PDB file of all heavy atoms in Angstrom:
ATOM      1  N   ILE A   1    -107.618   5.894 -43.928  1.00  0.00           N
ATOM      2  CA  ILE A   1    -106.759   5.985 -42.741  1.00  0.00           C
ATOM      3  C   ILE A   1    -105.574   6.901 -43.029  1.00  0.00           C
ATOM      4  O   ILE A   1    -105.270   7.221 -44.188  1.00  0.00           O
ATOM      5  CB  ILE A   1    -106.216   4.609 -42.303  1.00  0.00           C
ATOM      6  CG1 ILE A   1    -105.225   4.058 -43.351  1.00  0.00           C
ATOM      7  CG2 ILE A   1    -107.333   3.614 -42.046  1.00  0.00           C
ATOM      8  CD1 ILE A   1    -104.402   2.884 -42.883  1.00  0.00           C
ATOM      9  N   SER A   2    -104.936   7.326 -41.969  1.00  0.00           N
ATOM     10  CA  SER A   2    -103.632   7.979 -42.065  1.00  0.00           C
ATOM     11  C   SER A   2    -102.703   7.212 -41.141  1.00  0.00           C
ATOM     12  O   SER A   2    -102.767   7.366 -39.917  1.00  0.00           O
ATOM     13  CB  SER A   2    -103.704   9.451 -41.651  1.00  0.00           C
ATOM     14  OG  SER A   2    -102.395   9.990 -41.545  1.00  0.00           O
ATOM     15  N   ALA A   3    -101.856   6.369 -41.731  1.00  0.00           N
ATOM     16  CA  ALA A   3    -100.949   5.551 -40.917  1.00  0.00           C
ATOM     17  C   ALA A   3     -99.978   6.424 -40.136  1.00  0.00           C
ATOM     18  O   ALA A   3     -99.612   6.104 -39.012  1.00  0.00           O
ATOM     19  CB  ALA A   3    -100.188   4.572 -41.802  1.00  0.00           C
ATOM     20  N   ILE A   4     -99.581   7.543 -40.719  1.00  0.00           N
ATOM     21  CA  ILE A   4     -98.596   8.390 -40.059  1.00  0.00           C
ATOM     22  C   ILE A   4     -99.181   9.134 -38.862  1.00  0.00           C
ATOM     23  O   ILE A   4     -98.503   9.381 -37.864  1.00  0.00           O
ATOM     24  CB  ILE A   4     -97.958   9.372 -41.080  1.00  0.00           C
ATOM     25  CG1 ILE A   4     -96.677   9.964 -40.502  1.00  0.00           C
ATOM     26  CG2 ILE A   4     -98.938  10.472 -41.467  1.00  0.00           C
ATOM     27  CD1 ILE A   4     -95.829  10.679 -41.528  1.00  0.00           C
ATOM     28  N   HIS A   5    -100.487   9.465 -38.926  1.00  0.00           N
ATOM     29  CA  HIS A   5    -101.144  10.180 -37.823  1.00  0.00           C
ATOM     30  C   HIS A   5    -102.027   9.269 -36.971  1.00  0.00           C
ATOM     31  O   HIS A   5    -102.397   9.635 -35.862  1.00  0.00           O
ATOM     32  CB  HIS A   5    -101.990  11.338 -38.374  1.00  0.00           C
ATOM     33  CG  HIS A   5    -101.174  12.403 -39.039  1.00  0.00           C
ATOM     34  ND1 HIS A   5    -101.448  12.858 -40.315  1.00  0.00           N
ATOM     35  CD2 HIS A   5    -100.088  13.090 -38.615  1.00  0.00           C
ATOM     36  CE1 HIS A   5    -100.566  13.788 -40.639  1.00  0.00           C
ATOM     37  NE2 HIS A   5     -99.727  13.937 -39.632  1.00  0.00           N
ATOM     38  N   GLY A   6    -102.409   8.129 -37.497  1.00  0.00           N
ATOM     39  CA  GLY A   6    -103.225   7.186 -36.742  1.00  0.00           C
ATOM     40  C   GLY A   6    -104.717   7.327 -36.943  1.00  0.00           C
ATOM     41  O   GLY A   6    -105.487   6.491 -36.454  1.00  0.00           O
ATOM     42  N   SER A   7    -105.155   8.350 -37.650  1.00  0.00           N
ATOM     43  CA  SER A   7    -106.602   8.552 -37.832  1.00  0.00           C
ATOM     44  C   SER A   7    -107.189   7.437 -38.698  1.00  0.00           C
ATOM     45  O   SER A   7    -106.585   6.991 -39.671  1.00  0.00           O
ATOM     46  CB  SER A   7    -106.874   9.917 -38.484  1.00  0.00           C
ATOM     47  OG  SER A   7    -106.225  10.034 -39.736  1.00  0.00           O
ATOM     48  N   GLY A   8    -108.357   6.955 -38.301  1.00  0.00           N
ATOM     49  CA  GLY A   8    -109.059   5.916 -39.040  1.00  0.00           C
ATOM     50  C   GLY A   8    -108.600   4.509 -38.736  1.00  0.00           C
ATOM     51  O   GLY A   8    -109.279   3.536 -39.114  1.00  0.00           O
ATOM     52  N   THR A   9    -107.495   4.337 -38.046  1.00  0.00           N
ATOM     53  CA  THR A   9    -106.995   2.982 -37.789  1.00  0.00           C
ATOM     54  C   THR A   9    -107.869   2.245 -36.772  1.00  0.00           C
ATOM     55  O   THR A   9    -107.939   1.016 -36.803  1.00  0.00           O
ATOM     56  CB  THR A   9    -105.535   3.014 -37.292  1.00  0.00           C
ATOM     57  OG1 THR A   9    -105.439   3.880 -36.160  1.00  0.00           O
ATOM     58  CG2 THR A   9    -104.600   3.518 -38.382  1.00  0.00           C
ATOM     59  N   GLY A  10    -108.519   2.983 -35.878  1.00  0.00           N
ATOM     60  CA  GLY A  10    -109.400   2.346 -34.903  1.00  0.00           C
ATOM     61  C   GLY A  10    -110.547   1.623 -35.576  1.00  0.00           C
ATOM     62  O   GLY A  10    -110.854   0.468 -35.228  1.00  0.00           O
ATOM     63  N   GLU A  11    -111.196   2.283 -36.545  1.00  0.00           N
ATOM     64  CA  GLU A  11    -112.303   1.654 -37.270  1.00  0.00           C
ATOM     65  C   GLU A  11    -111.818   0.433 -38.055  1.00  0.00           C
ATOM     66  O   GLU A  11    -112.494  -0.597 -38.125  1.00  0.00           O
ATOM     67  CB  GLU A  11    -112.943   2.663 -38.237  1.00  0.00           C
ATOM     68  CG  GLU A  11    -113.712   3.790 -37.561  1.00  0.00           C
ATOM     69  CD  GLU A  11    -112.801   4.907 -37.054  1.00  0.00           C
ATOM     70  OE1 GLU A  11    -111.549   4.788 -37.196  1.00  0.00           O
ATOM     71  OE2 GLU A  11    -113.331   5.895 -36.496  1.00  0.00           O
ATOM     72  N   LEU A  12    -110.616   0.560 -38.643  1.00  0.00           N
ATOM     73  CA  LEU A  12    -110.032  -0.565 -39.379  1.00  0.00           C
ATOM     74  C   LEU A  12    -109.799  -1.753 -38.455  1.00  0.00           C
ATOM     75  O   LEU A  12    -110.136  -2.902 -38.786  1.00  0.00           O
ATOM     76  CB  LEU A  12    -108.718  -0.123 -40.031  1.00  0.00           C
ATOM     77  CG  LEU A  12    -107.919  -1.193 -40.779  1.00  0.00           C
ATOM     78  CD1 LEU A  12    -108.666  -1.610 -42.045  1.00  0.00           C
ATOM     79  CD2 LEU A  12    -106.520  -0.685 -41.128  1.00  0.00           C
ATOM     80  N   LEU A  13    -109.249  -1.498 -37.263  1.00  0.00           N
ATOM     81  CA  LEU A  13    -108.947  -2.580 -36.322  1.00  0.00           C
ATOM     82  C   LEU A  13    -110.217  -3.187 -35.729  1.00  0.00           C
ATOM     83  O   LEU A  13    -110.259  -4.394 -35.449  1.00  0.00           O
ATOM     84  CB  LEU A  13    -108.035  -2.055 -35.210  1.00  0.00           C
ATOM     85  CG  LEU A  13    -106.588  -1.775 -35.640  1.00  0.00           C
ATOM     86  CD1 LEU A  13    -105.851  -0.990 -34.566  1.00  0.00           C
ATOM     87  CD2 LEU A  13    -105.853  -3.069 -35.947  1.00  0.00           C
ATOM     88  N   ASP A  14    -111.252  -2.368 -35.526  1.00  0.00           N
ATOM     89  CA  ASP A  14    -112.526  -2.904 -35.037  1.00  0.00           C
ATOM     90  C   ASP A  14    -113.061  -3.964 -35.986  1.00  0.00           C
ATOM     91  O   ASP A  14    -113.610  -4.994 -35.550  1.00  0.00           O
ATOM     92  CB  ASP A  14    -113.559  -1.780 -34.884  1.00  0.00           C
ATOM     93  CG  ASP A  14    -113.296  -0.905 -33.664  1.00  0.00           C
ATOM     94  OD1 ASP A  14    -112.573  -1.363 -32.756  1.00  0.00           O
ATOM     95  OD2 ASP A  14    -113.812   0.233 -33.624  1.00  0.00           O
ATOM     96  N   GLU A  15    -112.901  -3.733 -37.274  1.00  0.00           N
ATOM     97  CA  GLU A  15    -113.351  -4.704 -38.266  1.00  0.00           C
ATOM     98  C   GLU A  15    -112.381  -5.880 -38.350  1.00  0.00           C
ATOM     99  O   GLU A  15    -112.797  -7.034 -38.507  1.00  0.00           O
ATOM    100  CB  GLU A  15    -113.463  -4.030 -39.639  1.00  0.00           C
ATOM    101  CG  GLU A  15    -113.978  -4.935 -40.755  1.00  0.00           C
ATOM    102  CD  GLU A  15    -115.396  -5.440 -40.500  1.00  0.00           C
ATOM    103  OE1 GLU A  15    -116.179  -4.759 -39.796  1.00  0.00           O
ATOM    104  OE2 GLU A  15    -115.724  -6.542 -41.014  1.00  0.00           O
ATOM    105  N   LEU A  16    -111.082  -5.594 -38.212  1.00  0.00           N
ATOM    106  CA  LEU A  16    -110.078  -6.643 -38.328  1.00  0.00           C
ATOM    107  C   LEU A  16    -110.265  -7.738 -37.277  1.00  0.00           C
ATOM    108  O   LEU A  16    -110.187  -8.934 -37.584  1.00  0.00           O
ATOM    109  CB  LEU A  16    -108.668  -6.037 -38.204  1.00  0.00           C
ATOM    110  CG  LEU A  16    -107.509  -7.038 -38.182  1.00  0.00           C
ATOM    111  CD1 LEU A  16    -107.356  -7.716 -39.544  1.00  0.00           C
ATOM    112  CD2 LEU A  16    -106.211  -6.346 -37.778  1.00  0.00           C
ATOM    113  N   ILE A  17    -110.501  -7.347 -36.019  1.00  0.00           N
ATOM    114  CA  ILE A  17    -110.534  -8.355 -34.944  1.00  0.00           C
ATOM    115  C   ILE A  17    -111.737  -9.297 -35.051  1.00  0.00           C
ATOM    116  O   ILE A  17    -111.766 -10.325 -34.371  1.00  0.00           O
ATOM    117  CB  ILE A  17    -110.496  -7.696 -33.547  1.00  0.00           C
ATOM    118  CG1 ILE A  17    -111.710  -6.799 -33.330  1.00  0.00           C
ATOM    119  CG2 ILE A  17    -109.192  -6.926 -33.355  1.00  0.00           C
ATOM    120  CD1 ILE A  17    -111.792  -6.253 -31.902  1.00  0.00           C
ATOM    121  N   LYS A  18    -112.694  -8.976 -35.918  1.00  0.00           N
ATOM    122  CA  LYS A  18    -113.784  -9.912 -36.170  1.00  0.00           C
ATOM    123  C   LYS A  18    -113.260 -11.179 -36.847  1.00  0.00           C
ATOM    124  O   LYS A  18    -113.903 -12.223 -36.803  1.00  0.00           O
ATOM    125  CB  LYS A  18    -114.858  -9.259 -37.047  1.00  0.00           C
ATOM    126  CG  LYS A  18    -115.565  -8.078 -36.395  1.00  0.00           C
ATOM    127  CD  LYS A  18    -116.569  -7.454 -37.348  1.00  0.00           C
ATOM    128  CE  LYS A  18    -117.258  -6.242 -36.720  1.00  0.00           C
ATOM    129  NZ  LYS A  18    -118.193  -5.578 -37.671  1.00  0.00           N
ATOM    130  N   HIS A  19    -112.108 -11.046 -37.484  1.00  0.00           N
ATOM    131  CA  HIS A  19    -111.525 -12.182 -38.217  1.00  0.00           C
ATOM    132  C   HIS A  19    -110.336 -12.792 -37.478  1.00  0.00           C
ATOM    133  O   HIS A  19    -109.690 -13.704 -38.007  1.00  0.00           O
ATOM    134  CB  HIS A  19    -111.061 -11.722 -39.603  1.00  0.00           C
ATOM    135  CG  HIS A  19    -112.114 -11.018 -40.388  1.00  0.00           C
ATOM    136  ND1 HIS A  19    -113.154 -11.680 -40.992  1.00  0.00           N
ATOM    137  CD2 HIS A  19    -112.311  -9.688 -40.643  1.00  0.00           C
ATOM    138  CE1 HIS A  19    -113.938 -10.803 -41.606  1.00  0.00           C
ATOM    139  NE2 HIS A  19    -113.447  -9.594 -41.412  1.00  0.00           N
ATOM    140  N   ILE A  20    -110.032 -12.289 -36.267  1.00  0.00           N
ATOM    141  CA  ILE A  20    -108.871 -12.758 -35.507  1.00  0.00           C
ATOM    142  C   ILE A  20    -109.341 -13.619 -34.341  1.00  0.00           C
ATOM    143  O   ILE A  20    -110.096 -13.148 -33.486  1.00  0.00           O
ATOM    144  CB  ILE A  20    -108.051 -11.562 -34.961  1.00  0.00           C
ATOM    145  CG1 ILE A  20    -107.570 -10.672 -36.098  1.00  0.00           C
ATOM    146  CG2 ILE A  20    -106.868 -12.061 -34.128  1.00  0.00           C
ATOM    147  CD1 ILE A  20    -106.625 -11.338 -37.042  1.00  0.00           C
ATOM    148  N   PRO A  21    -108.927 -14.876 -34.275  1.00  0.00           N
ATOM    149  CA  PRO A  21    -109.336 -15.728 -33.148  1.00  0.00           C
ATOM    150  C   PRO A  21    -108.695 -15.245 -31.845  1.00  0.00           C
ATOM    151  O   PRO A  21    -107.577 -14.713 -31.847  1.00  0.00           O
ATOM    152  CB  PRO A  21    -108.811 -17.115 -33.533  1.00  0.00           C
ATOM    153  CG  PRO A  21    -107.700 -16.854 -34.492  1.00  0.00           C
ATOM    154  CD  PRO A  21    -108.071 -15.601 -35.237  1.00  0.00           C
ATOM    155  N   GLN A  22    -109.414 -15.402 -30.754  1.00  0.00           N
ATOM    156  CA  GLN A  22    -108.889 -15.015 -29.446  1.00  0.00           C
ATOM    157  C   GLN A  22    -107.981 -16.126 -28.924  1.00  0.00           C
ATOM    158  O   GLN A  22    -108.341 -17.299 -28.936  1.00  0.00           O
ATOM    159  CB  GLN A  22    -110.017 -14.753 -28.452  1.00  0.00           C
ATOM    160  CG  GLN A  22    -109.546 -14.164 -27.141  1.00  0.00           C
ATOM    161  CD  GLN A  22    -110.706 -13.687 -26.282  1.00  0.00           C
ATOM    162  OE1 GLN A  22    -111.863 -13.974 -26.581  1.00  0.00           O
ATOM    163  NE2 GLN A  22    -110.412 -12.961 -25.226  1.00  0.00           N
ATOM    164  N   VAL A  23    -106.801 -15.748 -28.475  1.00  0.00           N
ATOM    165  CA  VAL A  23    -105.829 -16.705 -27.972  1.00  0.00           C
ATOM    166  C   VAL A  23    -105.618 -16.439 -26.487  1.00  0.00           C
ATOM    167  O   VAL A  23    -105.259 -15.328 -26.093  1.00  0.00           O
ATOM    168  CB  VAL A  23    -104.488 -16.592 -28.732  1.00  0.00           C
ATOM    169  CG1 VAL A  23    -103.472 -17.563 -28.173  1.00  0.00           C
ATOM    170  CG2 VAL A  23    -104.701 -16.844 -30.216  1.00  0.00           C
ATOM    171  N   THR A  24    -105.877 -17.441 -25.679  1.00  0.00           N
ATOM    172  CA  THR A  24    -105.767 -17.246 -24.230  1.00  0.00           C
ATOM    173  C   THR A  24    -104.683 -18.110 -23.594  1.00  0.00           C
ATOM    174  O   THR A  24    -104.375 -17.951 -22.427  1.00  0.00           O
ATOM    175  CB  THR A  24    -107.102 -17.589 -23.546  1.00  0.00           C
ATOM    176  OG1 THR A  24    -107.466 -18.936 -23.886  1.00  0.00           O
ATOM    177  CG2 THR A  24    -108.194 -16.636 -24.004  1.00  0.00           C
ATOM    178  N   ASP A  25    -104.109 -19.013 -24.381  1.00  0.00           N
ATOM    179  CA  ASP A  25    -103.157 -19.955 -23.785  1.00  0.00           C
ATOM    180  C   ASP A  25    -101.769 -19.851 -24.406  1.00  0.00           C
ATOM    181  O   ASP A  25    -101.103 -20.847 -24.635  1.00  0.00           O
ATOM    182  CB  ASP A  25    -103.660 -21.389 -23.916  1.00  0.00           C
ATOM    183  CG  ASP A  25    -103.892 -21.780 -25.380  1.00  0.00           C
ATOM    184  OD1 ASP A  25    -103.891 -20.880 -26.238  1.00  0.00           O
ATOM    185  OD2 ASP A  25    -104.058 -22.985 -25.653  1.00  0.00           O
ATOM    186  N   VAL A  26    -101.344 -18.612 -24.697  1.00  0.00           N
ATOM    187  CA  VAL A  26     -99.985 -18.417 -25.215  1.00  0.00           C
ATOM    188  C   VAL A  26     -98.999 -18.571 -24.068  1.00  0.00           C
ATOM    189  O   VAL A  26     -99.033 -17.795 -23.114  1.00  0.00           O
ATOM    190  CB  VAL A  26     -99.824 -17.024 -25.850  1.00  0.00           C
ATOM    191  CG1 VAL A  26     -98.392 -16.841 -26.346  1.00  0.00           C
ATOM    192  CG2 VAL A  26    -100.806 -16.859 -27.005  1.00  0.00           C
ATOM    193  N   PRO A  27     -98.158 -19.577 -24.089  1.00  0.00           N
ATOM    194  CA  PRO A  27     -97.240 -19.798 -22.964  1.00  0.00           C
ATOM    195  C   PRO A  27     -96.144 -18.740 -22.920  1.00  0.00           C
ATOM    196  O   PRO A  27     -95.703 -18.236 -23.958  1.00  0.00           O
ATOM    197  CB  PRO A  27     -96.639 -21.184 -23.262  1.00  0.00           C
ATOM    198  CG  PRO A  27     -96.722 -21.302 -24.752  1.00  0.00           C
ATOM    199  CD  PRO A  27     -97.962 -20.554 -25.175  1.00  0.00           C
ATOM    200  N   GLU A  28     -95.718 -18.399 -21.711  1.00  0.00           N
ATOM    201  CA  GLU A  28     -94.587 -17.500 -21.573  1.00  0.00           C
ATOM    202  C   GLU A  28     -93.317 -18.266 -21.922  1.00  0.00           C
ATOM    203  O   GLU A  28     -93.136 -19.411 -21.531  1.00  0.00           O
ATOM    204  CB  GLU A  28     -94.505 -16.967 -20.137  1.00  0.00           C
ATOM    205  CG  GLU A  28     -95.632 -16.021 -19.786  1.00  0.00           C
ATOM    206  CD  GLU A  28     -95.404 -15.361 -18.433  1.00  0.00           C
ATOM    207  OE1 GLU A  28     -94.271 -15.428 -17.916  1.00  0.00           O
ATOM    208  OE2 GLU A  28     -96.354 -14.768 -17.911  1.00  0.00           O
ATOM    209  N   THR A  29     -92.455 -17.619 -22.674  1.00  0.00           N
ATOM    210  CA  THR A  29     -91.241 -18.292 -23.134  1.00  0.00           C
ATOM    211  C   THR A  29     -90.006 -17.623 -22.542  1.00  0.00           C
ATOM    212  O   THR A  29     -89.937 -16.407 -22.441  1.00  0.00           O
ATOM    213  CB  THR A  29     -91.138 -18.239 -24.671  1.00  0.00           C
ATOM    214  OG1 THR A  29     -91.163 -16.869 -25.094  1.00  0.00           O
ATOM    215  CG2 THR A  29     -92.291 -18.977 -25.310  1.00  0.00           C
ATOM    216  N   ASN A  30     -89.083 -18.461 -22.139  1.00  0.00           N
ATOM    217  CA  ASN A  30     -87.783 -17.963 -21.687  1.00  0.00           C
ATOM    218  C   ASN A  30     -86.858 -17.987 -22.887  1.00  0.00           C
ATOM    219  O   ASN A  30     -86.007 -18.865 -23.031  1.00  0.00           O
ATOM    220  CB  ASN A  30     -87.256 -18.833 -20.550  1.00  0.00           C
ATOM    221  CG  ASN A  30     -85.944 -18.325 -20.009  1.00  0.00           C
ATOM    222  OD1 ASN A  30     -85.626 -17.140 -20.139  1.00  0.00           O
ATOM    223  ND2 ASN A  30     -85.160 -19.210 -19.440  1.00  0.00           N
ATOM    224  N   GLU A  31     -87.030 -17.027 -23.772  1.00  0.00           N
ATOM    225  CA  GLU A  31     -86.333 -17.056 -25.048  1.00  0.00           C
ATOM    226  C   GLU A  31     -84.909 -16.512 -24.924  1.00  0.00           C
ATOM    227  O   GLU A  31     -84.598 -15.708 -24.044  1.00  0.00           O
ATOM    228  CB  GLU A  31     -87.103 -16.233 -26.091  1.00  0.00           C
ATOM    229  CG  GLU A  31     -87.119 -14.749 -25.802  1.00  0.00           C
ATOM    230  CD  GLU A  31     -87.925 -13.960 -26.817  1.00  0.00           C
ATOM    231  OE1 GLU A  31     -88.846 -14.537 -27.427  1.00  0.00           O
ATOM    232  OE2 GLU A  31     -87.650 -12.760 -26.984  1.00  0.00           O
ATOM    233  N   ILE A  32     -84.066 -16.983 -25.834  1.00  0.00           N
ATOM    234  CA  ILE A  32     -82.711 -16.445 -25.972  1.00  0.00           C
ATOM    235  C   ILE A  32     -82.691 -15.628 -27.254  1.00  0.00           C
ATOM    236  O   ILE A  32     -82.995 -16.143 -28.335  1.00  0.00           O
ATOM    237  CB  ILE A  32     -81.665 -17.573 -26.041  1.00  0.00           C
ATOM    238  CG1 ILE A  32     -81.679 -18.409 -24.751  1.00  0.00           C
ATOM    239  CG2 ILE A  32     -80.271 -16.991 -26.269  1.00  0.00           C
ATOM    240  CD1 ILE A  32     -80.738 -19.609 -24.790  1.00  0.00           C
ATOM    241  N   LYS A  33     -82.351 -14.356 -27.142  1.00  0.00           N
ATOM    242  CA  LYS A  33     -82.310 -13.470 -28.312  1.00  0.00           C
ATOM    243  C   LYS A  33     -80.921 -13.536 -28.935  1.00  0.00           C
ATOM    244  O   LYS A  33     -79.913 -13.279 -28.266  1.00  0.00           O
ATOM    245  CB  LYS A  33     -82.660 -12.037 -27.905  1.00  0.00           C
ATOM    246  CG  LYS A  33     -84.103 -11.891 -27.423  1.00  0.00           C
ATOM    247  CD  LYS A  33     -84.464 -10.453 -27.122  1.00  0.00           C
ATOM    248  CE  LYS A  33     -83.855  -9.984 -25.812  1.00  0.00           C
ATOM    249  NZ  LYS A  33     -84.415 -10.685 -24.638  1.00  0.00           N
ATOM    250  N   VAL A  34     -80.890 -13.893 -30.219  1.00  0.00           N
ATOM    251  CA  VAL A  34     -79.626 -14.119 -30.924  1.00  0.00           C
ATOM    252  C   VAL A  34     -79.569 -13.208 -32.148  1.00  0.00           C
ATOM    253  O   VAL A  34     -80.358 -13.365 -33.082  1.00  0.00           O
ATOM    254  CB  VAL A  34     -79.490 -15.593 -31.365  1.00  0.00           C
ATOM    255  CG1 VAL A  34     -78.143 -15.816 -32.035  1.00  0.00           C
ATOM    256  CG2 VAL A  34     -79.678 -16.539 -30.187  1.00  0.00           C
ATOM    257  N   ALA A  35     -78.661 -12.240 -32.144  1.00  0.00           N
ATOM    258  CA  ALA A  35     -78.489 -11.337 -33.284  1.00  0.00           C
ATOM    259  C   ALA A  35     -77.415 -11.884 -34.214  1.00  0.00           C
ATOM    260  O   ALA A  35     -76.356 -12.337 -33.758  1.00  0.00           O
ATOM    261  CB  ALA A  35     -78.110  -9.941 -32.801  1.00  0.00           C
ATOM    262  N   ILE A  36     -77.685 -11.858 -35.510  1.00  0.00           N
ATOM    263  CA  ILE A  36     -76.733 -12.320 -36.520  1.00  0.00           C
ATOM    264  C   ILE A  36     -76.132 -11.075 -37.174  1.00  0.00           C
ATOM    265  O   ILE A  36     -76.817 -10.339 -37.880  1.00  0.00           O
ATOM    266  CB  ILE A  36     -77.417 -13.212 -37.564  1.00  0.00           C
ATOM    267  CG1 ILE A  36     -78.173 -14.363 -36.874  1.00  0.00           C
ATOM    268  CG2 ILE A  36     -76.407 -13.764 -38.556  1.00  0.00           C
ATOM    269  CD1 ILE A  36     -79.002 -15.217 -37.812  1.00  0.00           C
ATOM    270  N   ILE A  37     -74.847 -10.843 -36.923  1.00  0.00           N
ATOM    271  CA  ILE A  37     -74.186  -9.594 -37.298  1.00  0.00           C
ATOM    272  C   ILE A  37     -72.996  -9.888 -38.201  1.00  0.00           C
ATOM    273  O   ILE A  37     -72.329 -10.919 -38.059  1.00  0.00           O
ATOM    274  CB  ILE A  37     -73.689  -8.858 -36.020  1.00  0.00           C
ATOM    275  CG1 ILE A  37     -74.868  -8.518 -35.097  1.00  0.00           C
ATOM    276  CG2 ILE A  37     -72.915  -7.588 -36.364  1.00  0.00           C
ATOM    277  CD1 ILE A  37     -75.840  -7.520 -35.664  1.00  0.00           C
ATOM    278  N   GLY A  38     -72.703  -8.964 -39.107  1.00  0.00           N
ATOM    279  CA  GLY A  38     -71.515  -9.125 -39.939  1.00  0.00           C
ATOM    280  C   GLY A  38     -71.499  -8.138 -41.083  1.00  0.00           C
ATOM    281  O   GLY A  38     -72.435  -7.348 -41.271  1.00  0.00           O
TER     282      GLY A  38
END
């Protein structure tokens, strides 16, 4: 693959998703984004 150009990543991902379960019930969240700064 070339991560910087993207070549070959499609074939890698085609193989990857064989090991990734499909998720259909991810609830929408009303999240609060909190940045920790200092």
